[in-house]
C-alpha atoms as a PDB file:
ATOM      1  CA  MET A   1      17.760 -19.977  -3.305  1.00  0.00           C
ATOM      2  CA  ALA A   2      16.490 -16.941  -5.398  1.00  0.00           C
ATOM      3  CA  ASP A   3      12.717 -17.940  -4.566  1.00  0.00           C
ATOM      4  CA  GLU A   4      13.875 -17.710  -0.504  1.00  0.00           C
ATOM      5  CA  GLN A   5      15.680 -14.928  -1.243  1.00  0.00           C
ATOM      6  CA  ALA A   6      12.636 -12.908  -2.846  1.00  0.00           C
ATOM      7  CA  ALA A   7      10.318 -14.021  -0.044  1.00  0.00           C
ATOM      8  CA  LEU A   8      12.787 -12.308   2.515  1.00  0.00           C
ATOM      9  CA  ARG A   9      13.032  -9.383   0.452  1.00  0.00           C
ATOM     10  CA  VAL A  10       9.428  -9.143   0.282  1.00  0.00           C
ATOM     11  CA  ARG A  11       9.000  -9.778   4.137  1.00  0.00           C
ATOM     12  CA  ILE A  12      11.276  -7.259   5.395  1.00  0.00           C
ATOM     13  CA  ARG A  13       9.660  -4.617   3.678  1.00  0.00           C
ATOM     14  CA  ASP A  14       6.119  -5.826   4.932  1.00  0.00           C
ATOM     15  CA  LEU A  15       7.512  -5.349   8.484  1.00  0.00           C
ATOM     16  CA  ALA A  16       9.182  -2.263   7.622  1.00  0.00           C
ATOM     17  CA  GLN A  17       5.340  -1.167   6.384  1.00  0.00           C
ATOM     18  CA  ALA A  18       3.923  -2.224   9.083  1.00  0.00           C
ATOM     19  CA  ARG A  19       5.961  -1.110  11.764  1.00  0.00           C
ATOM     20  CA  VAL A  20       7.023   2.026  10.741  1.00  0.00           C
ATOM     21  CA  SER A  21       9.089   2.788  13.914  1.00  0.00           C
ATOM     22  CA  TYR A  22      11.346  -0.347  13.590  1.00  0.00           C
ATOM     23  CA  GLY A  23      14.701  -0.141  12.145  1.00  0.00           C
ATOM     24  CA  TYR A  24      16.518  -3.594  10.193  1.00  0.00           C
ATOM     25  CA  ARG A  25      17.410  -4.546  14.077  1.00  0.00           C
ATOM     26  CA  ARG A  26      14.065  -4.902  15.459  1.00  0.00           C
ATOM     27  CA  ILE A  27      12.713  -6.514  12.237  1.00  0.00           C
ATOM     28  CA  HIS A  28      15.794  -9.338  12.294  1.00  0.00           C
ATOM     29  CA  VAL A  29      14.491  -9.939  15.404  1.00  0.00           C
ATOM     30  CA  LEU A  30      10.952 -10.274  14.000  1.00  0.00           C
ATOM     31  CA  LEU A  31      11.970 -12.619  11.344  1.00  0.00           C
ATOM     32  CA  GLU A  32      13.596 -14.893  13.893  1.00  0.00           C
ATOM     33  CA  ARG A  33      10.645 -15.238  15.638  1.00  0.00           C
ATOM     34  CA  GLU A  34       8.864 -16.260  12.566  1.00  0.00           C
ATOM     35  CA  GLY A  35      11.277 -18.915  12.133  1.00  0.00           C
ATOM     36  CA  TRP A  36      13.522 -17.337   9.521  1.00  0.00           C
ATOM     37  CA  GLU A  37      17.153 -18.248   9.425  1.00  0.00           C
ATOM     38  CA  VAL A  38      18.818 -15.044   8.458  1.00  0.00           C
ATOM     39  CA  ASN A  39      21.717 -13.175  10.447  1.00  0.00           C
ATOM     40  CA  HIS A  40      21.554  -9.521  11.011  1.00  0.00           C
ATOM     41  CA  LYS A  41      24.233  -8.582   8.025  1.00  0.00           C
ATOM     42  CA  ARG A  42      22.053  -9.910   5.486  1.00  0.00           C
ATOM     43  CA  VAL A  43      19.127  -8.326   6.831  1.00  0.00           C
ATOM     44  CA  TYR A  44      20.742  -5.367   6.870  1.00  0.00           C
ATOM     45  CA  ARG A  45      22.092  -5.475   3.258  1.00  0.00           C
ATOM     46  CA  LEU A  46      18.377  -6.342   1.739  1.00  0.00           C
ATOM     47  CA  TYR A  47      17.007  -3.300   4.139  1.00  0.00           C
ATOM     48  CA  LYS A  48      19.462  -1.290   2.783  1.00  0.00           C
ATOM     49  CA  GLN A  49      18.779  -2.534  -0.692  1.00  0.00           C
ATOM     50  CA  GLU A  50      14.794  -2.204  -0.796  1.00  0.00           C
ATOM     51  CA  GLY A  51      15.497   1.847   0.261  1.00  0.00           C
ATOM     52  CA  LEU A  52      14.494   1.293   3.290  1.00  0.00           C
ATOM     53  CA  ILE A  53      17.162   4.177   4.324  1.00  0.00           C
ATOM     54  CA  MET A  54      16.951   7.473   3.290  1.00  0.00           C
ATOM     55  CA  ARG A  55      19.190   8.040   0.541  1.00  0.00           C
ATOM     56  CA  ALA A  56      21.214  11.034   0.374  1.00  0.00           C
ATOM     57  CA  LYS A  57      20.643  11.456  -3.861  1.00  0.00           C
ATOM     58  CA  ARG A  58      17.190  12.653  -4.828  1.00  0.00           C
ATOM     59  CA  PRO A  59      15.661   9.484  -7.387  1.00  0.00           C
ATOM     60  CA  ARG A  60      14.831  10.701 -10.837  1.00  0.00           C
ATOM     61  CA  ARG A  61      11.096  11.617 -11.017  1.00  0.00           C
ATOM     62  CA  HIS A  62       8.463  11.412 -14.023  1.00  0.00           C
ATOM     63  CA  VAL A  63       6.924  14.272 -15.481  1.00  0.00           C
ATOM     64  CA  THR A  64       3.992  13.870 -13.239  1.00  0.00           C
ATOM     65  CA  ALA A  65       5.881  13.449  -9.849  1.00  0.00           C
ATOM     66  CA  CYS A  66       5.947  16.001  -7.635  1.00  0.00           C
ATOM     67  CA  ARG A  67       8.537  16.967  -5.062  1.00  0.00           C
ATOM     68  CA  ARG A  68       8.781  16.018  -1.696  1.00  0.00           C
ATOM     69  CA  GLU A  69       8.495  19.058   0.835  1.00  0.00           C
ATOM     70  CA  GLU A  70       5.163  19.254   3.439  1.00  0.00           C
ATOM     71  CA  ILE A  71       2.464  16.748   2.945  1.00  0.00           C
ATOM     72  CA  PRO A  72      -0.545  18.638   2.660  1.00  0.00           C
ATOM     73  CA  ALA A  73      -3.527  17.015   4.180  1.00  0.00           C
ATOM     74  CA  ALA A  74      -6.389  16.342   1.921  1.00  0.00           C
ATOM     75  CA  GLN A  75      -9.244  18.435   2.538  1.00  0.00           C
ATOM     76  CA  SER A  76     -12.299  16.680   0.893  1.00  0.00           C
ATOM     77  CA  ALA A  77     -13.108  13.417  -0.390  1.00  0.00           C
ATOM     78  CA  GLY A  78     -11.656  12.630  -3.624  1.00  0.00           C
ATOM     79  CA  GLU A  79      -8.690  14.897  -3.493  1.00  0.00           C
ATOM     80  CA  SER A  80      -5.770  12.724  -2.559  1.00  0.00           C
ATOM     81  CA  TRP A  81      -5.412   9.147  -2.770  1.00  0.00           C
ATOM     82  CA  SER A  82      -3.064   6.456  -1.726  1.00  0.00           C
ATOM     83  CA  MET A  83      -1.582   3.350  -3.173  1.00  0.00           C
ATOM     84  CA  ASP A  84       0.750   0.758  -2.410  1.00  0.00           C
ATOM     85  CA  PHE A  85       1.588  -3.330  -2.548  1.00  0.00           C
ATOM     86  CA  MET A  86       1.642  -5.790   0.346  1.00  0.00           C
ATOM     87  CA  SER A  87       2.315  -9.662  -0.145  1.00  0.00           C
ATOM     88  CA  ASP A  88       0.660 -12.825   1.250  1.00  0.00           C
ATOM     89  CA  GLU A  89       0.598 -16.461   0.832  1.00  0.00           C
ATOM     90  CA  LEU A  90      -1.655 -19.057  -0.021  1.00  0.00           C
ATOM     91  CA  PHE A  91      -2.226 -22.485   2.238  1.00  0.00           C
ATOM     92  CA  ASN A  92       0.618 -24.318   0.004  1.00  0.00           C
ATOM     93  CA  GLY A  93       3.369 -21.137   0.498  1.00  0.00           C
ATOM     94  CA  GLN A  94       2.357 -19.677  -2.939  1.00  0.00           C
ATOM     95  CA  ARG A  95       2.762 -15.972  -2.838  1.00  0.00           C
ATOM     96  CA  ILE A  96       0.417 -13.563  -3.582  1.00  0.00           C
ATOM     97  CA  ARG A  97       0.203  -9.685  -3.931  1.00  0.00           C
ATOM     98  CA  LEU A  98      -2.213  -6.900  -2.491  1.00  0.00           C
ATOM     99  CA  LEU A  99      -2.592  -3.712  -4.250  1.00  0.00           C
ATOM    100  CA  THR A 100      -4.207  -1.436  -1.937  1.00  0.00           C
ATOM    101  CA  LEU A 101      -6.039   2.216  -2.128  1.00  0.00           C
ATOM    102  CA  VAL A 102      -8.044   4.408  -0.008  1.00  0.00           C
ATOM    103  CA  ASP A 103      -8.983   8.052  -0.182  1.00  0.00           C
ATOM    104  CA  ASN A 104      -6.798   9.999   2.420  1.00  0.00           C
ATOM    105  CA  PHE A 105      -9.685  12.050   3.324  1.00  0.00           C
ATOM    106  CA  THR A 106     -12.231   9.752   3.979  1.00  0.00           C
ATOM    107  CA  ARG A 107     -10.431   6.569   4.317  1.00  0.00           C
ATOM    108  CA  GLU A 108     -12.102   4.286   2.241  1.00  0.00           C
ATOM    109  CA  SER A 109     -10.577   1.275   0.618  1.00  0.00           C
ATOM    110  CA  LEU A 110     -10.963   2.197  -3.187  1.00  0.00           C
ATOM    111  CA  ALA A 111     -10.003  -1.156  -4.224  1.00  0.00           C
ATOM    112  CA  ILE A 112      -7.886  -4.379  -2.938  1.00  0.00           C
ATOM    113  CA  GLU A 113      -6.233  -6.079  -6.289  1.00  0.00           C
ATOM    114  CA  VAL A 114      -5.031  -9.500  -5.401  1.00  0.00           C
ATOM    115  CA  ASP A 115      -3.079 -11.687  -7.912  1.00  0.00           C
ATOM    116  CA  ARG A 116       0.411 -13.953  -8.313  1.00  0.00           C
ATOM    117  CA  SER A 117       1.809 -10.339  -9.225  1.00  0.00           C
ATOM    118  CA  ILE A 118       1.122  -7.347 -10.352  1.00  0.00           C
ATOM    119  CA  GLY A 119       2.973  -4.832 -12.732  1.00  0.00           C
ATOM    120  CA  GLY A 120       2.601  -1.287 -13.992  1.00  0.00           C
ATOM    121  CA  GLN A 121      -0.332  -2.099 -16.514  1.00  0.00           C
ATOM    122  CA  ARG A 122      -2.604  -3.849 -13.838  1.00  0.00           C
ATOM    123  CA  VAL A 123      -2.089  -1.090 -11.866  1.00  0.00           C
ATOM    124  CA  VAL A 124      -3.538   0.982 -14.398  1.00  0.00           C
ATOM    125  CA  GLU A 125      -6.526  -1.108 -15.069  1.00  0.00           C
ATOM    126  CA  VAL A 126      -7.471  -1.032 -11.866  1.00  0.00           C
ATOM    127  CA  LEU A 127      -7.052   2.968 -11.445  1.00  0.00           C
ATOM    128  CA  MET A 128      -9.737   2.808 -15.066  1.00  0.00           C
ATOM    129  CA  ASN A 129     -11.989   0.512 -13.144  1.00  0.00           C
ATOM    130  CA  ILE A 130     -12.178   2.802 -10.046  1.00  0.00           C
ATOM    131  CA  ALA A 131     -12.826   5.610 -12.508  1.00  0.00           C
ATOM    132  CA  ARG A 132     -15.496   4.112 -13.683  1.00  0.00           C
ATOM    133  CA  GLU A 133     -18.013   4.639 -10.790  1.00  0.00           C
ATOM    134  CA  ARG A 134     -16.201   8.041  -9.361  1.00  0.00           C
ATOM    135  CA  SER A 135     -13.863  10.990 -10.242  1.00  0.00           C
ATOM    136  CA  LEU A 136     -10.074  10.770 -10.222  1.00  0.00           C
ATOM    137  CA  PRO A 137      -7.915  12.435  -7.867  1.00  0.00           C
ATOM    138  CA  LYS A 138      -5.942  15.502  -8.275  1.00  0.00           C
ATOM    139  CA  THR A 139      -3.022  13.327  -6.508  1.00  0.00           C
ATOM    140  CA  ILE A 140      -1.855   9.926  -6.004  1.00  0.00           C
ATOM    141  CA  ARG A 141       0.853   8.931  -3.147  1.00  0.00           C
ATOM    142  CA  VAL A 142       2.863   6.246  -3.926  1.00  0.00           C
ATOM    143  CA  ASP A 143       6.113   4.598  -3.008  1.00  0.00           C
ATOM    144  CA  ASN A 144       9.515   4.245  -5.177  1.00  0.00           C
ATOM    145  CA  GLY A 145       8.456   0.847  -6.249  1.00  0.00           C
ATOM    146  CA  PRO A 146       8.619  -0.360 -10.092  1.00  0.00           C
ATOM    147  CA  GLU A 147       5.392  -0.920 -10.932  1.00  0.00           C
ATOM    148  CA  PHE A 148       4.499   2.815  -9.635  1.00  0.00           C
ATOM    149  CA  THR A 149       7.902   4.020 -11.629  1.00  0.00           C
ATOM    150  CA  SER A 150       6.778   2.728 -14.554  1.00  0.00           C
ATOM    151  CA  LYS A 151       6.398   4.473 -17.990  1.00  0.00           C
ATOM    152  CA  ARG A 152       2.715   2.973 -18.301  1.00  0.00           C
ATOM    153  CA  LEU A 153       1.708   4.431 -15.125  1.00  0.00           C
ATOM    154  CA  ASP A 154       3.186   7.949 -15.868  1.00  0.00           C
ATOM    155  CA  GLN A 155       1.519   8.085 -18.976  1.00  0.00           C
ATOM    156  CA  TRP A 156      -1.684   7.315 -17.910  1.00  0.00           C
ATOM    157  CA  ALA A 157      -1.507  10.073 -14.814  1.00  0.00           C
ATOM    158  CA  TYR A 158      -0.358  12.264 -17.544  1.00  0.00           C
ATOM    159  CA  LEU A 159      -2.915  11.984 -19.592  1.00  0.00           C
ATOM    160  CA  ASN A 160      -5.655  12.130 -16.518  1.00  0.00           C
ATOM    161  CA  GLY A 161      -4.037  15.002 -15.072  1.00  0.00           C
ATOM    162  CA  VAL A 162      -3.309  13.133 -11.992  1.00  0.00           C
ATOM    163  CA  GLU A 163      -0.178  13.794 -10.261  1.00  0.00           C
ATOM    164  CA  LEU A 164       2.106  10.823  -8.626  1.00  0.00           C
ATOM    165  CA  ASP A 165       3.036  12.357  -5.403  1.00  0.00           C
ATOM    166  CA  PHE A 166       6.321  10.196  -4.421  1.00  0.00           C
ATOM    167  CA  ILE A 167       6.841   9.228  -1.048  1.00  0.00           C
ATOM    168  CA  ARG A 168      10.712   9.787   0.068  1.00  0.00           C
ATOM    169  CA  PRO A 169      12.573   6.945   0.017  1.00  0.00           C
ATOM    170  CA  GLY A 170      13.066   5.010   3.370  1.00  0.00           C
ATOM    171  CA  LYS A 171       9.932   7.199   5.222  1.00  0.00           C
ATOM    172  CA  PRO A 172       6.812   4.710   4.600  1.00  0.00           C
ATOM    173  CA  THR A 173       5.208   7.734   7.159  1.00  0.00           C
ATOM    174  CA  ASP A 174       5.241   9.908   4.414  1.00  0.00           C
ATOM    175  CA  ASN A 175       2.378   7.458   3.297  1.00  0.00           C
ATOM    176  CA  ALA A 176       0.766   7.252   6.449  1.00  0.00           C
ATOM    177  CA  PHE A 177      -2.910   6.845   5.765  1.00  0.00           C
ATOM    178  CA  ILE A 178      -2.823   3.703   3.763  1.00  0.00           C
ATOM    179  CA  GLU A 179       0.248   2.321   6.061  1.00  0.00           C
ATOM    180  CA  SER A 180      -2.351   2.720   9.031  1.00  0.00           C
ATOM    181  CA  PHE A 181      -4.889   0.915   6.670  1.00  0.00           C
ATOM    182  CA  ASN A 182      -2.315  -2.168   5.884  1.00  0.00           C
ATOM    183  CA  GLY A 183      -1.936  -2.346   8.998  1.00  0.00           C
ATOM    184  CA  ARG A 184      -5.438  -3.039  10.397  1.00  0.00           C
ATOM    185  CA  PHE A 185      -6.176  -5.066   6.698  1.00  0.00           C
ATOM    186  CA  ARG A 186      -3.023  -7.521   7.808  1.00  0.00           C
ATOM    187  CA  GLN A 187      -4.512  -7.931  11.289  1.00  0.00           C
ATOM    188  CA  GLU A 188      -7.953  -8.133  10.794  1.00  0.00           C
ATOM    189  CA  CYS A 189      -7.867  -9.974   7.619  1.00  0.00           C
ATOM    190  CA  LEU A 190      -4.346 -11.718   6.442  1.00  0.00           C
ATOM    191  CA  ASN A 191      -3.602 -13.057   9.987  1.00  0.00           C
ATOM    192  CA  GLU A 192      -6.991 -14.137  10.321  1.00  0.00           C
ATOM    193  CA  ASN A 193      -7.682 -15.741   7.399  1.00  0.00           C
ATOM    194  CA  TRP A 194      -6.443 -19.583   5.522  1.00  0.00           C
ATOM    195  CA  PHE A 195      -6.629 -18.725   1.611  1.00  0.00           C
ATOM    196  CA  LEU A 196      -7.574 -21.871   0.156  1.00  0.00           C
ATOM    197  CA  SER A 197      -6.928 -20.541  -3.726  1.00  0.00           C
ATOM    198  CA  LEU A 198      -6.566 -17.425  -5.212  1.00  0.00           C
ATOM    199  CA  GLU A 199     -10.470 -17.311  -5.694  1.00  0.00           C
ATOM    200  CA  ASP A 200     -10.505 -17.684  -2.149  1.00  0.00           C
ATOM    201  CA  ALA A 201      -8.617 -14.895  -1.065  1.00  0.00           C
ATOM    202  CA  ARG A 202     -10.024 -12.423  -3.451  1.00  0.00           C
ATOM    203  CA  GLU A 203     -13.477 -13.467  -2.110  1.00  0.00           C
ATOM    204  CA  LYS A 204     -12.586 -12.909   1.938  1.00  0.00           C
ATOM    205  CA  VAL A 205     -10.321  -9.700   1.266  1.00  0.00           C
ATOM    206  CA  GLU A 206     -13.385  -8.554  -0.750  1.00  0.00           C
ATOM    207  CA  GLU A 207     -15.688  -9.427   2.045  1.00  0.00           C
ATOM    208  CA  TRP A 208     -13.496  -7.760   4.715  1.00  0.00           C
ATOM    209  CA  ARG A 209     -13.254  -4.727   2.276  1.00  0.00           C
ATOM    210  CA  LEU A 210     -16.572  -3.946   2.194  1.00  0.00           C
ATOM    211  CA  TYR A 211     -17.023  -4.567   6.090  1.00  0.00           C
ATOM    212  CA  TYR A 212     -14.394  -1.991   6.719  1.00  0.00           C
ATOM    213  CA  ASN A 213     -16.097   0.884   4.689  1.00  0.00           C
ATOM    214  CA  ARG A 214     -19.419   0.028   5.727  1.00  0.00           C
ATOM    215  CA  GLU A 215     -19.408  -1.585   9.152  1.00  0.00           C
ATOM    216  CA  ARG A 216     -15.930  -1.213  10.800  1.00  0.00           C
ATOM    217  CA  PRO A 217     -16.265   2.337  12.821  1.00  0.00           C
ATOM    218  CA  HIS A 218     -13.283   4.427  12.415  1.00  0.00           C
ATOM    219  CA  GLY A 219     -11.998   6.719  15.266  1.00  0.00           C
ATOM    220  CA  ALA A 220     -10.527   9.701  13.045  1.00  0.00           C
ATOM    221  CA  LEU A 221     -13.853   9.821  11.750  1.00  0.00           C
ATOM    222  CA  GLY A 222     -15.781  10.164  14.681  1.00  0.00           C
ATOM    223  CA  ASN A 223     -16.612   6.191  14.847  1.00  0.00           C
ATOM    224  CA  LEU A 224     -18.210   5.954  11.439  1.00  0.00           C
ATOM    225  CA  PRO A 225     -17.488   4.267   9.215  1.00  0.00           C
ATOM    226  CA  PRO A 226     -15.577   5.544   6.017  1.00  0.00           C
ATOM    227  CA  ARG A 227     -18.350   4.748   3.724  1.00  0.00           C
ATOM    228  CA  GLU A 228     -20.956   6.792   5.851  1.00  0.00           C
ATOM    229  CA  PHE A 229     -18.478   9.460   6.436  1.00  0.00           C
ATOM    230  CA  ALA A 230     -18.200   9.742   2.534  1.00  0.00           C
ATOM    231  CA  LEU A 231     -21.797  10.194   2.305  1.00  0.00           C
ATOM    232  CA  SER A 232     -21.955  12.890   5.134  1.00  0.00           C
ATOM    233  CA  GLY A 233     -21.505  16.588   5.148  1.00  0.00           C
ATOM    234  CA  ALA A 234     -18.269  16.770   6.927  1.00  0.00           C
ATOM    235  CA  ALA A 235     -16.746  14.430   3.512  1.00  0.00           C
ATOM    236  CA  VAL A 236     -17.790  17.594   1.660  1.00  0.00           C
ATOM    237  CA  SER A 237     -15.220  20.439   1.648  1.00  0.00           C
END
């Protein structure tokens, strides 16, 4: 029962992120179509507990957090990144988590980490790996999940001069770039593949990520793939 409850929470959060204009009632309809036997009252309760409804009280912020007012658009590559979590499952029903990172200007997928669980320390390790190949951004936009509000990530951000830009609870559109990316990722990769193992999932996800960066045309980038756009003069302010 506890596992079912946790799985339902994850699915509600995924649907809310992929369908940002849907409220709990429409999410309930989607869950029923997927075969979940759950009434709308339970969906509403979990939807609210996941912070998908605006809370009047401002959540406690860490030292590296900035206040949400107006979201400035990134003006150059490497200025602002976004991070988020998704979930999926292997062929046998085992749940997996996926950490996605994108550059908000070039739309490049910087990494997609795949594992059965990913905590705050693992998030830091992924960021450190990326930092070996490129400069860290000024800000990283994240939601209020426990992995992103962890002391370990807060300490890393402070020591590296990176500001954690927390979105408003219940406002996934504050993180529109990664919401858009996650929607494409789910539609084009997760929904189209049958993962036989964790390693199989990692290989197929990375194959898609490289295709997305190097070959897939992006409408907002003049139909250039993100990597080609990043290397062009348009990506330099």
